[in-house]
Amino acid sequence: VEYHPFLSQTKVLATLARHGMALTAYCPIARGKVVGDPTLAEIGKAHGKSATQVALRWLIQQDGVIAIPRSSNEERIAENLNCVDFQLSDAEMARINAMGSPEGRVVDIDIAPEWDD
């Protein structure tokens, strides 16, 4: 399921949790859009991390969420993997949660159903 800081998936997460299922976050860095986000950069600076690492950490720090970032660049892969050695505070998690909206999709697939209805 497309899931990143700019796209709220609270309804999907709640439904999956009720059924004991995990969410695999597709497109977790929003096709690179997290890189230039000032909120993610500010949080990252406090931890010595990049905005990308913060976005990935935000995802995997949520119960039942798995992130699958895609990259063929070895440096980016190493950066992505380096998101597990820090914790976001509850306040930081809330700030990132507040960034999302149902209109935040970056993937437009013609055959996709109306997920947000």
PDB file of N, CA and C in Angstrom:
ATOM      1  N   VAL A   1       0.847  -1.163   0.000  1.00  0.00           N
ATOM      2  CA  VAL A   1       0.000   0.000   0.000  1.00  0.00           C
ATOM      3  C   VAL A   1       0.894   1.227   0.000  1.00  0.00           C
ATOM      4  N   GLU A   2       0.582   2.208  -0.851  1.00  0.00           N
ATOM      5  CA  GLU A   2       1.349   3.450  -0.822  1.00  0.00           C
ATOM      6  C   GLU A   2       1.221   4.077   0.567  1.00  0.00           C
ATOM      7  N   TYR A   3       2.358   4.310   1.208  1.00  0.00           N
ATOM      8  CA  TYR A   3       2.346   4.896   2.543  1.00  0.00           C
ATOM      9  C   TYR A   3       3.655   5.608   2.800  1.00  0.00           C
ATOM     10  N   HIS A   4       3.542   6.882   3.147  1.00  0.00           N
ATOM     11  CA  HIS A   4       4.684   7.743   3.445  1.00  0.00           C
ATOM     12  C   HIS A   4       4.164   8.923   4.255  1.00  0.00           C
ATOM     13  N   PRO A   5       5.036   9.800   4.741  1.00  0.00           N
ATOM     14  CA  PRO A   5       4.579  10.889   5.612  1.00  0.00           C
ATOM     15  C   PRO A   5       3.540  11.829   5.006  1.00  0.00           C
ATOM     16  N   PHE A   6       3.439  11.888   3.699  1.00  0.00           N
ATOM     17  CA  PHE A   6       2.505  12.814   3.062  1.00  0.00           C
ATOM     18  C   PHE A   6       1.131  12.207   2.809  1.00  0.00           C
ATOM     19  N   LEU A   7       0.986  10.897   3.054  1.00  0.00           N
ATOM     20  CA  LEU A   7      -0.269  10.199   2.771  1.00  0.00           C
ATOM     21  C   LEU A   7      -0.767   9.483   4.016  1.00  0.00           C
ATOM     22  N   SER A   8      -1.853   9.959   4.562  1.00  0.00           N
ATOM     23  CA  SER A   8      -2.445   9.320   5.734  1.00  0.00           C
ATOM     24  C   SER A   8      -3.093   7.994   5.333  1.00  0.00           C
ATOM     25  N   GLN A   9      -2.789   6.975   6.089  1.00  0.00           N
ATOM     26  CA  GLN A   9      -3.413   5.667   5.860  1.00  0.00           C
ATOM     27  C   GLN A   9      -4.044   5.153   7.148  1.00  0.00           C
ATOM     28  N   THR A  10      -4.583   6.058   7.956  1.00  0.00           N
ATOM     29  CA  THR A  10      -5.126   5.666   9.257  1.00  0.00           C
ATOM     30  C   THR A  10      -6.265   4.656   9.142  1.00  0.00           C
ATOM     31  N   LYS A  11      -7.125   4.817   8.150  1.00  0.00           N
ATOM     32  CA  LYS A  11      -8.241   3.871   7.987  1.00  0.00           C
ATOM     33  C   LYS A  11      -7.736   2.480   7.627  1.00  0.00           C
ATOM     34  N   VAL A  12      -6.776   2.433   6.720  1.00  0.00           N
ATOM     35  CA  VAL A  12      -6.216   1.139   6.312  1.00  0.00           C
ATOM     36  C   VAL A  12      -5.504   0.487   7.493  1.00  0.00           C
ATOM     37  N   LEU A  13      -4.694   1.274   8.213  1.00  0.00           N
ATOM     38  CA  LEU A  13      -3.965   0.740   9.368  1.00  0.00           C
ATOM     39  C   LEU A  13      -4.917   0.200  10.423  1.00  0.00           C
ATOM     40  N   ALA A  14      -5.992   0.914  10.697  1.00  0.00           N
ATOM     41  CA  ALA A  14      -6.965   0.467  11.698  1.00  0.00           C
ATOM     42  C   ALA A  14      -7.629  -0.839  11.265  1.00  0.00           C
ATOM     43  N   THR A  15      -7.979  -0.934  10.010  1.00  0.00           N
ATOM     44  CA  THR A  15      -8.607  -2.154   9.502  1.00  0.00           C
ATOM     45  C   THR A  15      -7.649  -3.335   9.578  1.00  0.00           C
ATOM     46  N   LEU A  16      -6.409  -3.117   9.150  1.00  0.00           N
ATOM     47  CA  LEU A  16      -5.416  -4.191   9.206  1.00  0.00           C
ATOM     48  C   LEU A  16      -5.168  -4.630  10.643  1.00  0.00           C
ATOM     49  N   ALA A  17      -5.085  -3.679  11.565  1.00  0.00           N
ATOM     50  CA  ALA A  17      -4.844  -4.014  12.973  1.00  0.00           C
ATOM     51  C   ALA A  17      -5.977  -4.875  13.532  1.00  0.00           C
ATOM     52  N   ARG A  18      -7.206  -4.556  13.163  1.00  0.00           N
ATOM     53  CA  ARG A  18      -8.352  -5.351  13.633  1.00  0.00           C
ATOM     54  C   ARG A  18      -8.258  -6.802  13.172  1.00  0.00           C
ATOM     55  N   HIS A  19      -7.597  -7.017  12.058  1.00  0.00           N
ATOM     56  CA  HIS A  19      -7.487  -8.369  11.504  1.00  0.00           C
ATOM     57  C   HIS A  19      -6.116  -8.995  11.743  1.00  0.00           C
ATOM     58  N   GLY A  20      -5.271  -8.319  12.530  1.00  0.00           N
ATOM     59  CA  GLY A  20      -3.957  -8.865  12.863  1.00  0.00           C
ATOM     60  C   GLY A  20      -3.009  -8.910  11.676  1.00  0.00           C
ATOM     61  N   MET A  21      -3.168  -7.984  10.754  1.00  0.00           N
ATOM     62  CA  MET A  21      -2.351  -7.972   9.540  1.00  0.00           C
ATOM     63  C   MET A  21      -1.383  -6.791   9.551  1.00  0.00           C
ATOM     64  N   ALA A  22      -0.284  -6.941   8.838  1.00  0.00           N
ATOM     65  CA  ALA A  22       0.708  -5.875   8.700  1.00  0.00           C
ATOM     66  C   ALA A  22       0.472  -5.113   7.401  1.00  0.00           C
ATOM     67  N   LEU A  23       1.000  -3.894   7.356  1.00  0.00           N
ATOM     68  CA  LEU A  23       0.950  -3.082   6.149  1.00  0.00           C
ATOM     69  C   LEU A  23       2.368  -2.984   5.590  1.00  0.00           C
ATOM     70  N   THR A  24       2.537  -3.323   4.334  1.00  0.00           N
ATOM     71  CA  THR A  24       3.816  -3.133   3.664  1.00  0.00           C
ATOM     72  C   THR A  24       3.752  -1.802   2.940  1.00  0.00           C
ATOM     73  N   ALA A  25       4.604  -0.862   3.362  1.00  0.00           N
ATOM     74  CA  ALA A  25       4.595   0.498   2.838  1.00  0.00           C
ATOM     75  C   ALA A  25       5.341   0.568   1.515  1.00  0.00           C
ATOM     76  N   TYR A  26       4.574   0.706   0.446  1.00  0.00           N
ATOM     77  CA  TYR A  26       5.114   0.898  -0.895  1.00  0.00           C
ATOM     78  C   TYR A  26       5.395   2.382  -1.086  1.00  0.00           C
ATOM     79  N   CYS A  27       6.492   2.690  -1.751  1.00  0.00           N
ATOM     80  CA  CYS A  27       6.848   4.084  -2.052  1.00  0.00           C
ATOM     81  C   CYS A  27       7.060   4.891  -0.763  1.00  0.00           C
ATOM     82  N   PRO A  28       7.823   4.348   0.203  1.00  0.00           N
ATOM     83  CA  PRO A  28       7.906   4.959   1.525  1.00  0.00           C
ATOM     84  C   PRO A  28       8.631   6.305   1.590  1.00  0.00           C
ATOM     85  N   ILE A  29       9.367   6.650   0.555  1.00  0.00           N
ATOM     86  CA  ILE A  29      10.009   7.973   0.552  1.00  0.00           C
ATOM     87  C   ILE A  29       9.359   8.896  -0.475  1.00  0.00           C
ATOM     88  N   ALA A  30       8.155   8.533  -0.898  1.00  0.00           N
ATOM     89  CA  ALA A  30       7.320   9.371  -1.767  1.00  0.00           C
ATOM     90  C   ALA A  30       8.067   9.810  -3.024  1.00  0.00           C
ATOM     91  N   ARG A  31       8.705   8.826  -3.651  1.00  0.00           N
ATOM     92  CA  ARG A  31       9.464   9.088  -4.885  1.00  0.00           C
ATOM     93  C   ARG A  31      10.449  10.240  -4.708  1.00  0.00           C
ATOM     94  N   GLY A  32      11.105  10.256  -3.551  1.00  0.00           N
ATOM     95  CA  GLY A  32      12.145  11.236  -3.270  1.00  0.00           C
ATOM     96  C   GLY A  32      11.664  12.528  -2.664  1.00  0.00           C
ATOM     97  N   LYS A  33      10.365  12.709  -2.523  1.00  0.00           N
ATOM     98  CA  LYS A  33       9.837  13.980  -2.011  1.00  0.00           C
ATOM     99  C   LYS A  33      10.174  14.220  -0.538  1.00  0.00           C
ATOM    100  N   VAL A  34      10.448  13.160   0.219  1.00  0.00           N
ATOM    101  CA  VAL A  34      10.791  13.369   1.631  1.00  0.00           C
ATOM    102  C   VAL A  34      12.128  14.085   1.789  1.00  0.00           C
ATOM    103  N   VAL A  35      12.993  13.958   0.804  1.00  0.00           N
ATOM    104  CA  VAL A  35      14.345  14.522   0.888  1.00  0.00           C
ATOM    105  C   VAL A  35      14.310  16.025   1.160  1.00  0.00           C
ATOM    106  N   GLY A  36      13.433  16.752   0.511  1.00  0.00           N
ATOM    107  CA  GLY A  36      13.397  18.200   0.655  1.00  0.00           C
ATOM    108  C   GLY A  36      12.410  18.718   1.680  1.00  0.00           C
ATOM    109  N   ASP A  37      11.828  17.847   2.482  1.00  0.00           N
ATOM    110  CA  ASP A  37      10.820  18.307   3.431  1.00  0.00           C
ATOM    111  C   ASP A  37      11.468  18.926   4.669  1.00  0.00           C
ATOM    112  N   PRO A  38      11.099  20.168   4.999  1.00  0.00           N
ATOM    113  CA  PRO A  38      11.733  20.851   6.129  1.00  0.00           C
ATOM    114  C   PRO A  38      11.439  20.221   7.497  1.00  0.00           C
ATOM    115  N   THR A  39      10.248  19.689   7.694  1.00  0.00           N
ATOM    116  CA  THR A  39       9.919  19.058   8.978  1.00  0.00           C
ATOM    117  C   THR A  39      10.769  17.814   9.187  1.00  0.00           C
ATOM    118  N   LEU A  40      10.849  16.967   8.170  1.00  0.00           N
ATOM    119  CA  LEU A  40      11.651  15.748   8.279  1.00  0.00           C
ATOM    120  C   LEU A  40      13.130  16.085   8.441  1.00  0.00           C
ATOM    121  N   ALA A  41      13.595  17.115   7.732  1.00  0.00           N
ATOM    122  CA  ALA A  41      14.999  17.536   7.845  1.00  0.00           C
ATOM    123  C   ALA A  41      15.299  18.042   9.250  1.00  0.00           C
ATOM    124  N   GLU A  42      14.390  18.823   9.824  1.00  0.00           N
ATOM    125  CA  GLU A  42      14.589  19.350  11.178  1.00  0.00           C
ATOM    126  C   GLU A  42      14.661  18.219  12.208  1.00  0.00           C
ATOM    127  N   ILE A  43      13.742  17.277  12.094  1.00  0.00           N
ATOM    128  CA  ILE A  43      13.752  16.125  13.005  1.00  0.00           C
ATOM    129  C   ILE A  43      15.034  15.324  12.802  1.00  0.00           C
ATOM    130  N   GLY A  44      15.417  15.136  11.553  1.00  0.00           N
ATOM    131  CA  GLY A  44      16.641  14.400  11.253  1.00  0.00           C
ATOM    132  C   GLY A  44      17.868  15.058  11.844  1.00  0.00           C
ATOM    133  N   LYS A  45      17.944  16.359  11.759  1.00  0.00           N
ATOM    134  CA  LYS A  45      19.094  17.093  12.290  1.00  0.00           C
ATOM    135  C   LYS A  45      19.264  16.829  13.782  1.00  0.00           C
ATOM    136  N   ALA A  46      18.158  16.750  14.501  1.00  0.00           N
ATOM    137  CA  ALA A  46      18.209  16.483  15.941  1.00  0.00           C
ATOM    138  C   ALA A  46      18.780  15.100  16.257  1.00  0.00           C
ATOM    139  N   HIS A  47      18.709  14.189  15.287  1.00  0.00           N
ATOM    140  CA  HIS A  47      19.190  12.818  15.492  1.00  0.00           C
ATOM    141  C   HIS A  47      20.455  12.513  14.690  1.00  0.00           C
ATOM    142  N   GLY A  48      20.940  13.481  13.934  1.00  0.00           N
ATOM    143  CA  GLY A  48      22.087  13.219  13.066  1.00  0.00           C
ATOM    144  C   GLY A  48      21.722  12.306  11.914  1.00  0.00           C
ATOM    145  N   LYS A  49      20.497  12.430  11.432  1.00  0.00           N
ATOM    146  CA  LYS A  49      19.976  11.570  10.371  1.00  0.00           C
ATOM    147  C   LYS A  49      19.416  12.417   9.235  1.00  0.00           C
ATOM    148  N   SER A  50      19.199  11.783   8.096  1.00  0.00           N
ATOM    149  CA  SER A  50      18.620  12.465   6.943  1.00  0.00           C
ATOM    150  C   SER A  50      17.094  12.430   7.022  1.00  0.00           C
ATOM    151  N   ALA A  51      16.459  13.260   6.215  1.00  0.00           N
ATOM    152  CA  ALA A  51      14.997  13.256   6.130  1.00  0.00           C
ATOM    153  C   ALA A  51      14.491  11.878   5.687  1.00  0.00           C
ATOM    154  N   THR A  52      15.210  11.247   4.786  1.00  0.00           N
ATOM    155  CA  THR A  52      14.836   9.903   4.326  1.00  0.00           C
ATOM    156  C   THR A  52      14.866   8.906   5.472  1.00  0.00           C
ATOM    157  N   GLN A  53      15.913   8.955   6.266  1.00  0.00           N
ATOM    158  CA  GLN A  53      16.020   8.038   7.401  1.00  0.00           C
ATOM    159  C   GLN A  53      14.902   8.288   8.411  1.00  0.00           C
ATOM    160  N   VAL A  54      14.544   9.537   8.606  1.00  0.00           N
ATOM    161  CA  VAL A  54      13.445   9.863   9.516  1.00  0.00           C
ATOM    162  C   VAL A  54      12.133   9.291   8.983  1.00  0.00           C
ATOM    163  N   ALA A  55      11.873   9.456   7.698  1.00  0.00           N
ATOM    164  CA  ALA A  55      10.634   8.927   7.105  1.00  0.00           C
ATOM    165  C   ALA A  55      10.562   7.408   7.245  1.00  0.00           C
ATOM    166  N   LEU A  56      11.666   6.737   6.986  1.00  0.00           N
ATOM    167  CA  LEU A  56      11.687   5.276   7.118  1.00  0.00           C
ATOM    168  C   LEU A  56      11.523   4.858   8.569  1.00  0.00           C
ATOM    169  N   ARG A  57      12.194   5.575   9.469  1.00  0.00           N
ATOM    170  CA  ARG A  57      12.081   5.264  10.903  1.00  0.00           C
ATOM    171  C   ARG A  57      10.646   5.454  11.363  1.00  0.00           C
ATOM    172  N   TRP A  58       9.999   6.540  10.909  1.00  0.00           N
ATOM    173  CA  TRP A  58       8.609   6.800  11.269  1.00  0.00           C
ATOM    174  C   TRP A  58       7.716   5.617  10.866  1.00  0.00           C
ATOM    175  N   LEU A  59       7.960   5.084   9.682  1.00  0.00           N
ATOM    176  CA  LEU A  59       7.161   3.951   9.218  1.00  0.00           C
ATOM    177  C   LEU A  59       7.396   2.718  10.076  1.00  0.00           C
ATOM    178  N   ILE A  60       8.657   2.322  10.231  1.00  0.00           N
ATOM    179  CA  ILE A  60       8.925   1.051  10.917  1.00  0.00           C
ATOM    180  C   ILE A  60       8.728   1.145  12.424  1.00  0.00           C
ATOM    181  N   GLN A  61       8.653   2.351  12.957  1.00  0.00           N
ATOM    182  CA  GLN A  61       8.398   2.507  14.385  1.00  0.00           C
ATOM    183  C   GLN A  61       6.913   2.309  14.704  1.00  0.00           C
ATOM    184  N   GLN A  62       6.071   2.291  13.686  1.00  0.00           N
ATOM    185  CA  GLN A  62       4.641   2.037  13.881  1.00  0.00           C
ATOM    186  C   GLN A  62       4.411   0.529  13.953  1.00  0.00           C
ATOM    187  N   ASP A  63       3.522   0.117  14.842  1.00  0.00           N
ATOM    188  CA  ASP A  63       3.194  -1.298  14.958  1.00  0.00           C
ATOM    189  C   ASP A  63       2.607  -1.806  13.651  1.00  0.00           C
ATOM    190  N   GLY A  64       3.105  -2.937  13.192  1.00  0.00           N
ATOM    191  CA  GLY A  64       2.535  -3.578  12.023  1.00  0.00           C
ATOM    192  C   GLY A  64       2.835  -2.919  10.694  1.00  0.00           C
ATOM    193  N   VAL A  65       3.882  -2.089  10.621  1.00  0.00           N
ATOM    194  CA  VAL A  65       4.237  -1.451   9.352  1.00  0.00           C
ATOM    195  C   VAL A  65       5.637  -1.893   8.939  1.00  0.00           C
ATOM    196  N   ILE A  66       5.747  -2.280   7.679  1.00  0.00           N
ATOM    197  CA  ILE A  66       6.993  -2.706   7.058  1.00  0.00           C
ATOM    198  C   ILE A  66       7.254  -1.756   5.899  1.00  0.00           C
ATOM    199  N   ALA A  67       8.462  -1.254   5.777  1.00  0.00           N
ATOM    200  CA  ALA A  67       8.787  -0.334   4.679  1.00  0.00           C
ATOM    201  C   ALA A  67       9.677  -1.045   3.660  1.00  0.00           C
ATOM    202  N   ILE A  68       9.398  -0.810   2.375  1.00  0.00           N
ATOM    203  CA  ILE A  68      10.220  -1.401   1.316  1.00  0.00           C
ATOM    204  C   ILE A  68      10.723  -0.313   0.364  1.00  0.00           C
ATOM    205  N   PRO A  69      11.743   0.436   0.808  1.00  0.00           N
ATOM    206  CA  PRO A  69      12.302   1.443  -0.101  1.00  0.00           C
ATOM    207  C   PRO A  69      13.026   0.770  -1.254  1.00  0.00           C
ATOM    208  N   ARG A  70      13.004   1.432  -2.386  1.00  0.00           N
ATOM    209  CA  ARG A  70      13.637   0.863  -3.576  1.00  0.00           C
ATOM    210  C   ARG A  70      14.811   1.744  -3.981  1.00  0.00           C
ATOM    211  N   SER A  71      15.949   1.110  -4.249  1.00  0.00           N
ATOM    212  CA  SER A  71      17.105   1.834  -4.741  1.00  0.00           C
ATOM    213  C   SER A  71      18.082   0.846  -5.352  1.00  0.00           C
ATOM    214  N   SER A  72      18.799   1.299  -6.360  1.00  0.00           N
ATOM    215  CA  SER A  72      19.886   0.487  -6.914  1.00  0.00           C
ATOM    216  C   SER A  72      21.231   1.120  -6.580  1.00  0.00           C
ATOM    217  N   ASN A  73      21.199   2.257  -5.880  1.00  0.00           N
ATOM    218  CA  ASN A  73      22.397   2.981  -5.489  1.00  0.00           C
ATOM    219  C   ASN A  73      22.881   2.442  -4.135  1.00  0.00           C
ATOM    220  N   GLU A  74      24.112   1.933  -4.104  1.00  0.00           N
ATOM    221  CA  GLU A  74      24.625   1.311  -2.880  1.00  0.00           C
ATOM    222  C   GLU A  74      24.658   2.283  -1.705  1.00  0.00           C
ATOM    223  N   GLU A  75      24.988   3.538  -1.949  1.00  0.00           N
ATOM    224  CA  GLU A  75      25.017   4.523  -0.864  1.00  0.00           C
ATOM    225  C   GLU A  75      23.625   4.768  -0.302  1.00  0.00           C
ATOM    226  N   ARG A  76      22.638   4.835  -1.173  1.00  0.00           N
ATOM    227  CA  ARG A  76      21.261   5.037  -0.720  1.00  0.00           C
ATOM    228  C   ARG A  76      20.752   3.819   0.050  1.00  0.00           C
ATOM    229  N   ILE A  77      21.115   2.634  -0.427  1.00  0.00           N
ATOM    230  CA  ILE A  77      20.708   1.409   0.279  1.00  0.00           C
ATOM    231  C   ILE A  77      21.291   1.411   1.688  1.00  0.00           C
ATOM    232  N   ALA A  78      22.574   1.761   1.808  1.00  0.00           N
ATOM    233  CA  ALA A  78      23.220   1.826   3.124  1.00  0.00           C
ATOM    234  C   ALA A  78      22.545   2.875   4.004  1.00  0.00           C
ATOM    235  N   GLU A  79      22.217   4.042   3.421  1.00  0.00           N
ATOM    236  CA  GLU A  79      21.525   5.089   4.175  1.00  0.00           C
ATOM    237  C   GLU A  79      20.173   4.588   4.652  1.00  0.00           C
ATOM    238  N   ASN A  80      19.431   3.923   3.779  1.00  0.00           N
ATOM    239  CA  ASN A  80      18.114   3.403   4.142  1.00  0.00           C
ATOM    240  C   ASN A  80      18.207   2.414   5.304  1.00  0.00           C
ATOM    241  N   LEU A  81      19.216   1.559   5.278  1.00  0.00           N
ATOM    242  CA  LEU A  81      19.373   0.562   6.332  1.00  0.00           C
ATOM    243  C   LEU A  81      19.778   1.192   7.661  1.00  0.00           C
ATOM    244  N   ASN A  82      20.344   2.380   7.605  1.00  0.00           N
ATOM    245  CA  ASN A  82      20.817   3.063   8.803  1.00  0.00           C
ATOM    246  C   ASN A  82      19.708   3.881   9.466  1.00  0.00           C
ATOM    247  N   CYS A  83      18.513   3.330   9.477  1.00  0.00           N
ATOM    248  CA  CYS A  83      17.374   4.023  10.099  1.00  0.00           C
ATOM    249  C   CYS A  83      16.874   3.284  11.334  1.00  0.00           C
ATOM    250  N   VAL A  84      17.609   2.289  11.764  1.00  0.00           N
ATOM    251  CA  VAL A  84      17.132   1.470  12.878  1.00  0.00           C
ATOM    252  C   VAL A  84      17.850   1.740  14.195  1.00  0.00           C
ATOM    253  N   ASP A  85      18.826   2.646  14.187  1.00  0.00           N
ATOM    254  CA  ASP A  85      19.628   2.858  15.388  1.00  0.00           C
ATOM    255  C   ASP A  85      19.229   4.104  16.174  1.00  0.00           C
ATOM    256  N   PHE A  86      18.006   4.572  15.982  1.00  0.00           N
ATOM    257  CA  PHE A  86      17.501   5.700  16.749  1.00  0.00           C
ATOM    258  C   PHE A  86      15.985   5.568  16.885  1.00  0.00           C
ATOM    259  N   GLN A  87      15.422   6.319  17.827  1.00  0.00           N
ATOM    260  CA  GLN A  87      13.982   6.301  18.068  1.00  0.00           C
ATOM    261  C   GLN A  87      13.439   7.709  17.919  1.00  0.00           C
ATOM    262  N   LEU A  88      12.281   7.831  17.344  1.00  0.00           N
ATOM    263  CA  LEU A  88      11.577   9.105  17.296  1.00  0.00           C
ATOM    264  C   LEU A  88      10.727   9.227  18.563  1.00  0.00           C
ATOM    265  N   SER A  89      10.665  10.419  19.114  1.00  0.00           N
ATOM    266  CA  SER A  89       9.835  10.641  20.292  1.00  0.00           C
ATOM    267  C   SER A  89       8.361  10.622  19.887  1.00  0.00           C
ATOM    268  N   ASP A  90       7.503  10.534  20.879  1.00  0.00           N
ATOM    269  CA  ASP A  90       6.065  10.597  20.610  1.00  0.00           C
ATOM    270  C   ASP A  90       5.710  11.916  19.930  1.00  0.00           C
ATOM    271  N   ALA A  91       6.344  13.015  20.373  1.00  0.00           N
ATOM    272  CA  ALA A  91       6.068  14.327  19.770  1.00  0.00           C
ATOM    273  C   ALA A  91       6.524  14.362  18.309  1.00  0.00           C
ATOM    274  N   GLU A  92       7.665  13.767  18.008  1.00  0.00           N
ATOM    275  CA  GLU A  92       8.152  13.720  16.618  1.00  0.00           C
ATOM    276  C   GLU A  92       7.237  12.856  15.764  1.00  0.00           C
ATOM    277  N   MET A  93       6.814  11.730  16.298  1.00  0.00           N
ATOM    278  CA  MET A  93       5.881  10.863  15.565  1.00  0.00           C
ATOM    279  C   MET A  93       4.588  11.630  15.270  1.00  0.00           C
ATOM    280  N   ALA A  94       4.100  12.378  16.247  1.00  0.00           N
ATOM    281  CA  ALA A  94       2.862  13.144  16.055  1.00  0.00           C
ATOM    282  C   ALA A  94       3.047  14.227  14.992  1.00  0.00           C
ATOM    283  N   ARG A  95       4.189  14.890  14.988  1.00  0.00           N
ATOM    284  CA  ARG A  95       4.453  15.918  13.957  1.00  0.00           C
ATOM    285  C   ARG A  95       4.412  15.303  12.562  1.00  0.00           C
ATOM    286  N   ILE A  96       5.020  14.132  12.424  1.00  0.00           N
ATOM    287  CA  ILE A  96       5.046  13.475  11.107  1.00  0.00           C
ATOM    288  C   ILE A  96       3.647  12.974  10.748  1.00  0.00           C
ATOM    289  N   ASN A  97       2.940  12.410  11.712  1.00  0.00           N
ATOM    290  CA  ASN A  97       1.561  11.970  11.463  1.00  0.00           C
ATOM    291  C   ASN A  97       0.708  13.111  10.941  1.00  0.00           C
ATOM    292  N   ALA A  98       0.911  14.302  11.482  1.00  0.00           N
ATOM    293  CA  ALA A  98       0.114  15.468  11.095  1.00  0.00           C
ATOM    294  C   ALA A  98       0.391  15.931   9.672  1.00  0.00           C
ATOM    295  N   MET A  99       1.477  15.487   9.069  1.00  0.00           N
ATOM    296  CA  MET A  99       1.825  15.874   7.699  1.00  0.00           C
ATOM    297  C   MET A  99       0.940  15.188   6.666  1.00  0.00           C
ATOM    298  N   GLY A 100       0.403  14.030   7.003  1.00  0.00           N
ATOM    299  CA  GLY A 100      -0.323  13.211   6.036  1.00  0.00           C
ATOM    300  C   GLY A 100      -1.734  13.686   5.753  1.00  0.00           C
ATOM    301  N   SER A 101      -2.162  13.434   4.544  1.00  0.00           N
ATOM    302  CA  SER A 101      -3.540  13.709   4.154  1.00  0.00           C
ATOM    303  C   SER A 101      -3.964  12.653   3.141  1.00  0.00           C
ATOM    304  N   PRO A 102      -5.259  12.456   2.949  1.00  0.00           N
ATOM    305  CA  PRO A 102      -5.712  11.493   1.941  1.00  0.00           C
ATOM    306  C   PRO A 102      -5.342  11.909   0.513  1.00  0.00           C
ATOM    307  N   GLU A 103      -5.017  13.178   0.316  1.00  0.00           N
ATOM    308  CA  GLU A 103      -4.674  13.668  -1.019  1.00  0.00           C
ATOM    309  C   GLU A 103      -3.172  13.595  -1.298  1.00  0.00           C
ATOM    310  N   GLY A 104      -2.397  13.003  -0.418  1.00  0.00           N
ATOM    311  CA  GLY A 104      -0.946  13.007  -0.544  1.00  0.00           C
ATOM    312  C   GLY A 104      -0.340  11.938  -1.426  1.00  0.00           C
ATOM    313  N   ARG A 105      -1.133  11.293  -2.235  1.00  0.00           N
ATOM    314  CA  ARG A 105      -0.601  10.218  -3.095  1.00  0.00           C
ATOM    315  C   ARG A 105       0.409  10.754  -4.101  1.00  0.00           C
ATOM    316  N   VAL A 106       1.437   9.945  -4.369  1.00  0.00           N
ATOM    317  CA  VAL A 106       2.396  10.269  -5.427  1.00  0.00           C
ATOM    318  C   VAL A 106       2.348   9.226  -6.541  1.00  0.00           C
ATOM    319  N   VAL A 107       1.648   8.135  -6.296  1.00  0.00           N
ATOM    320  CA  VAL A 107       1.505   7.075  -7.286  1.00  0.00           C
ATOM    321  C   VAL A 107       0.101   7.160  -7.866  1.00  0.00           C
ATOM    322  N   ASP A 108      -0.001   7.267  -9.181  1.00  0.00           N
ATOM    323  CA  ASP A 108      -1.291   7.348  -9.844  1.00  0.00           C
ATOM    324  C   ASP A 108      -1.399   6.181 -10.817  1.00  0.00           C
ATOM    325  N   ILE A 109      -2.171   5.217 -10.432  1.00  0.00           N
ATOM    326  CA  ILE A 109      -2.368   4.027 -11.265  1.00  0.00           C
ATOM    327  C   ILE A 109      -3.795   4.053 -11.786  1.00  0.00           C
ATOM    328  N   ASP A 110      -3.944   4.075 -13.089  1.00  0.00           N
ATOM    329  CA  ASP A 110      -5.266   4.196 -13.700  1.00  0.00           C
ATOM    330  C   ASP A 110      -6.262   3.127 -13.239  1.00  0.00           C
ATOM    331  N   ILE A 111      -5.776   1.933 -12.971  1.00  0.00           N
ATOM    332  CA  ILE A 111      -6.692   0.838 -12.629  1.00  0.00           C
ATOM    333  C   ILE A 111      -6.933   0.716 -11.132  1.00  0.00           C
ATOM    334  N   ALA A 112      -6.337   1.618 -10.319  1.00  0.00           N
ATOM    335  CA  ALA A 112      -6.493   1.540  -8.874  1.00  0.00           C
ATOM    336  C   ALA A 112      -7.924   1.861  -8.453  1.00  0.00           C
ATOM    337  N   PRO A 113      -8.410   1.158  -7.453  1.00  0.00           N
ATOM    338  CA  PRO A 113      -9.766   1.456  -6.940  1.00  0.00           C
ATOM    339  C   PRO A 113      -9.732   2.760  -6.144  1.00  0.00           C
ATOM    340  N   GLU A 114     -10.878   3.255  -5.768  1.00  0.00           N
ATOM    341  CA  GLU A 114     -10.999   4.437  -4.923  1.00  0.00           C
ATOM    342  C   GLU A 114     -10.785   4.000  -3.479  1.00  0.00           C
ATOM    343  N   TRP A 115      -9.524   3.895  -3.070  1.00  0.00           N
ATOM    344  CA  TRP A 115      -9.167   3.371  -1.759  1.00  0.00           C
ATOM    345  C   TRP A 115      -9.707   4.218  -0.618  1.00  0.00           C
ATOM    346  N   ASP A 116      -9.787   5.501  -0.808  1.00  0.00           N
ATOM    347  CA  ASP A 116     -10.091   6.390   0.305  1.00  0.00           C
ATOM    348  C   ASP A 116     -11.571   6.585   0.567  1.00  0.00           C
ATOM    349  N   ASP A 117     -12.434   5.956  -0.210  1.00  0.00           N
ATOM    350  CA  ASP A 117     -13.880   6.097  -0.006  1.00  0.00           C
ATOM    351  C   ASP A 117     -14.334   5.340   1.229  1.00  0.00           C
TER     352      ASP A 117
END
